[in-house]
Amino acid sequence: MTTIGVTDLRNNLFKMLEACIKYNESINVSTKNGNSSYYK
């Protein structure tokens, strides 16, 4: 599972989504208000 901050995710959104699909990897987004996960 990849953990990334929301600002970094915004800067690299398409790259992160492509990697998520290509490697069947989940993305965990950390924010100051808590965390959120995207599972493919």
PDB file of N, CA and C in Angstrom:
ATOM      1  N   MET A   1       0.846  -1.175   0.000  1.00  0.00           N
ATOM      2  CA  MET A   1       0.000   0.000   0.000  1.00  0.00           C
ATOM      3  C   MET A   1       0.889   1.235   0.000  1.00  0.00           C
ATOM      4  N   THR A   2       0.545   2.176  -0.835  1.00  0.00           N
ATOM      5  CA  THR A   2       1.268   3.439  -0.915  1.00  0.00           C
ATOM      6  C   THR A   2       0.560   4.474  -0.053  1.00  0.00           C
ATOM      7  N   THR A   3       1.305   5.184   0.789  1.00  0.00           N
ATOM      8  CA  THR A   3       0.754   6.269   1.590  1.00  0.00           C
ATOM      9  C   THR A   3       1.309   7.574   1.053  1.00  0.00           C
ATOM     10  N   ILE A   4       0.412   8.530   0.819  1.00  0.00           N
ATOM     11  CA  ILE A   4       0.811   9.807   0.220  1.00  0.00           C
ATOM     12  C   ILE A   4      -0.037  10.918   0.824  1.00  0.00           C
ATOM     13  N   GLY A   5       0.549  12.088   0.954  1.00  0.00           N
ATOM     14  CA  GLY A   5      -0.188  13.251   1.434  1.00  0.00           C
ATOM     15  C   GLY A   5      -1.091  13.791   0.341  1.00  0.00           C
ATOM     16  N   VAL A   6      -2.139  14.477   0.733  1.00  0.00           N
ATOM     17  CA  VAL A   6      -3.129  14.955  -0.225  1.00  0.00           C
ATOM     18  C   VAL A   6      -2.518  15.963  -1.215  1.00  0.00           C
ATOM     19  N   THR A   7      -1.591  16.804  -0.779  1.00  0.00           N
ATOM     20  CA  THR A   7      -0.956  17.764  -1.670  1.00  0.00           C
ATOM     21  C   THR A   7      -0.127  17.051  -2.729  1.00  0.00           C
ATOM     22  N   ASP A   8       0.638  16.049  -2.313  1.00  0.00           N
ATOM     23  CA  ASP A   8       1.431  15.276  -3.274  1.00  0.00           C
ATOM     24  C   ASP A   8       0.527  14.508  -4.232  1.00  0.00           C
ATOM     25  N   LEU A   9      -0.583  14.000  -3.736  1.00  0.00           N
ATOM     26  CA  LEU A   9      -1.524  13.287  -4.604  1.00  0.00           C
ATOM     27  C   LEU A   9      -2.079  14.221  -5.675  1.00  0.00           C
ATOM     28  N   ARG A  10      -2.451  15.433  -5.286  1.00  0.00           N
ATOM     29  CA  ARG A  10      -2.963  16.394  -6.260  1.00  0.00           C
ATOM     30  C   ARG A  10      -1.928  16.705  -7.334  1.00  0.00           C
ATOM     31  N   ASN A  11      -0.668  16.797  -6.940  1.00  0.00           N
ATOM     32  CA  ASN A  11       0.395  17.113  -7.903  1.00  0.00           C
ATOM     33  C   ASN A  11       0.691  15.954  -8.840  1.00  0.00           C
ATOM     34  N   ASN A  12       0.402  14.721  -8.423  1.00  0.00           N
ATOM     35  CA  ASN A  12       0.759  13.531  -9.198  1.00  0.00           C
ATOM     36  C   ASN A  12      -0.439  12.610  -9.414  1.00  0.00           C
ATOM     37  N   LEU A  13      -1.631  13.146  -9.513  1.00  0.00           N
ATOM     38  CA  LEU A  13      -2.846  12.334  -9.522  1.00  0.00           C
ATOM     39  C   LEU A  13      -2.846  11.280 -10.617  1.00  0.00           C
ATOM     40  N   PHE A  14      -2.621  11.661 -11.856  1.00  0.00           N
ATOM     41  CA  PHE A  14      -2.706  10.691 -12.953  1.00  0.00           C
ATOM     42  C   PHE A  14      -1.593   9.653 -12.866  1.00  0.00           C
ATOM     43  N   LYS A  15      -0.402  10.075 -12.482  1.00  0.00           N
ATOM     44  CA  LYS A  15       0.713   9.147 -12.310  1.00  0.00           C
ATOM     45  C   LYS A  15       0.395   8.123 -11.212  1.00  0.00           C
ATOM     46  N   MET A  16      -0.169   8.575 -10.104  1.00  0.00           N
ATOM     47  CA  MET A  16      -0.504   7.674  -9.000  1.00  0.00           C
ATOM     48  C   MET A  16      -1.619   6.703  -9.392  1.00  0.00           C
ATOM     49  N   LEU A  17      -2.645   7.182 -10.100  1.00  0.00           N
ATOM     50  CA  LEU A  17      -3.730   6.299 -10.525  1.00  0.00           C
ATOM     51  C   LEU A  17      -3.246   5.261 -11.524  1.00  0.00           C
ATOM     52  N   GLU A  18      -2.377   5.665 -12.444  1.00  0.00           N
ATOM     53  CA  GLU A  18      -1.826   4.712 -13.407  1.00  0.00           C
ATOM     54  C   GLU A  18      -1.006   3.640 -12.693  1.00  0.00           C
ATOM     55  N   ALA A  19      -0.208   4.034 -11.707  1.00  0.00           N
ATOM     56  CA  ALA A  19       0.590   3.074 -10.948  1.00  0.00           C
ATOM     57  C   ALA A  19      -0.315   2.137 -10.150  1.00  0.00           C
ATOM     58  N   CYS A  20      -1.389   2.681  -9.607  1.00  0.00           N
ATOM     59  CA  CYS A  20      -2.345   1.879  -8.845  1.00  0.00           C
ATOM     60  C   CYS A  20      -2.947   0.790  -9.724  1.00  0.00           C
ATOM     61  N   ILE A  21      -3.319   1.145 -10.927  1.00  0.00           N
ATOM     62  CA  ILE A  21      -3.913   0.187 -11.860  1.00  0.00           C
ATOM     63  C   ILE A  21      -2.870  -0.810 -12.359  1.00  0.00           C
ATOM     64  N   LYS A  22      -1.700  -0.312 -12.744  1.00  0.00           N
ATOM     65  CA  LYS A  22      -0.666  -1.166 -13.327  1.00  0.00           C
ATOM     66  C   LYS A  22      -0.151  -2.209 -12.341  1.00  0.00           C
ATOM     67  N   TYR A  23       0.062  -1.821 -11.095  1.00  0.00           N
ATOM     68  CA  TYR A  23       0.657  -2.715 -10.111  1.00  0.00           C
ATOM     69  C   TYR A  23      -0.357  -3.280  -9.119  1.00  0.00           C
ATOM     70  N   ASN A  24      -1.657  -2.999  -9.343  1.00  0.00           N
ATOM     71  CA  ASN A  24      -2.724  -3.482  -8.463  1.00  0.00           C
ATOM     72  C   ASN A  24      -2.432  -3.101  -7.009  1.00  0.00           C
ATOM     73  N   GLU A  25      -2.055  -1.854  -6.822  1.00  0.00           N
ATOM     74  CA  GLU A  25      -1.642  -1.322  -5.530  1.00  0.00           C
ATOM     75  C   GLU A  25      -2.719  -0.378  -5.004  1.00  0.00           C
ATOM     76  N   SER A  26      -2.931  -0.379  -3.699  1.00  0.00           N
ATOM     77  CA  SER A  26      -3.891   0.557  -3.114  1.00  0.00           C
ATOM     78  C   SER A  26      -3.167   1.845  -2.720  1.00  0.00           C
ATOM     79  N   ILE A  27      -3.931   2.923  -2.597  1.00  0.00           N
ATOM     80  CA  ILE A  27      -3.380   4.226  -2.234  1.00  0.00           C
ATOM     81  C   ILE A  27      -4.044   4.690  -0.950  1.00  0.00           C
ATOM     82  N   ASN A  28      -3.243   5.033   0.037  1.00  0.00           N
ATOM     83  CA  ASN A  28      -3.740   5.586   1.290  1.00  0.00           C
ATOM     84  C   ASN A  28      -3.373   7.070   1.308  1.00  0.00           C
ATOM     85  N   VAL A  29      -4.384   7.939   1.414  1.00  0.00           N
ATOM     86  CA  VAL A  29      -4.161   9.384   1.392  1.00  0.00           C
ATOM     87  C   VAL A  29      -4.281   9.914   2.812  1.00  0.00           C
ATOM     88  N   SER A  30      -3.217  10.572   3.283  1.00  0.00           N
ATOM     89  CA  SER A  30      -3.243  11.147   4.625  1.00  0.00           C
ATOM     90  C   SER A  30      -3.501  12.649   4.545  1.00  0.00           C
ATOM     91  N   THR A  31      -4.387  13.123   5.418  1.00  0.00           N
ATOM     92  CA  THR A  31      -4.707  14.544   5.492  1.00  0.00           C
ATOM     93  C   THR A  31      -4.613  14.984   6.944  1.00  0.00           C
ATOM     94  N   LYS A  32      -4.702  16.269   7.179  1.00  0.00           N
ATOM     95  CA  LYS A  32      -4.658  16.757   8.559  1.00  0.00           C
ATOM     96  C   LYS A  32      -5.920  16.356   9.334  1.00  0.00           C
ATOM     97  N   ASN A  33      -6.991  15.988   8.625  1.00  0.00           N
ATOM     98  CA  ASN A  33      -8.243  15.589   9.280  1.00  0.00           C
ATOM     99  C   ASN A  33      -8.396  14.082   9.416  1.00  0.00           C
ATOM    100  N   GLY A  34      -7.460  13.309   8.886  1.00  0.00           N
ATOM    101  CA  GLY A  34      -7.555  11.863   8.964  1.00  0.00           C
ATOM    102  C   GLY A  34      -7.041  11.223   7.685  1.00  0.00           C
ATOM    103  N   ASN A  35      -7.334   9.954   7.517  1.00  0.00           N
ATOM    104  CA  ASN A  35      -6.838   9.202   6.366  1.00  0.00           C
ATOM    105  C   ASN A  35      -8.004   8.648   5.562  1.00  0.00           C
ATOM    106  N   SER A  36      -7.727   8.404   4.291  1.00  0.00           N
ATOM    107  CA  SER A  36      -8.702   7.806   3.392  1.00  0.00           C
ATOM    108  C   SER A  36      -7.965   6.811   2.512  1.00  0.00           C
ATOM    109  N   SER A  37      -8.608   5.717   2.146  1.00  0.00           N
ATOM    110  CA  SER A  37      -7.968   4.714   1.325  1.00  0.00           C
ATOM    111  C   SER A  37      -8.765   4.477   0.067  1.00  0.00           C
ATOM    112  N   TYR A  38      -8.061   4.208  -1.028  1.00  0.00           N
ATOM    113  CA  TYR A  38      -8.675   3.819  -2.284  1.00  0.00           C
ATOM    114  C   TYR A  38      -8.177   2.422  -2.586  1.00  0.00           C
ATOM    115  N   TYR A  39      -9.095   1.486  -2.716  1.00  0.00           N
ATOM    116  CA  TYR A  39      -8.737   0.114  -3.041  1.00  0.00           C
ATOM    117  C   TYR A  39      -9.321  -0.221  -4.387  1.00  0.00           C
ATOM    118  N   LYS A  40      -8.486  -0.754  -5.231  1.00  0.00           N
ATOM    119  CA  LYS A  40      -8.930  -1.150  -6.563  1.00  0.00           C
ATOM    120  C   LYS A  40      -9.665  -2.462  -6.477  1.00  0.00           C
TER     121      LYS A  40
END
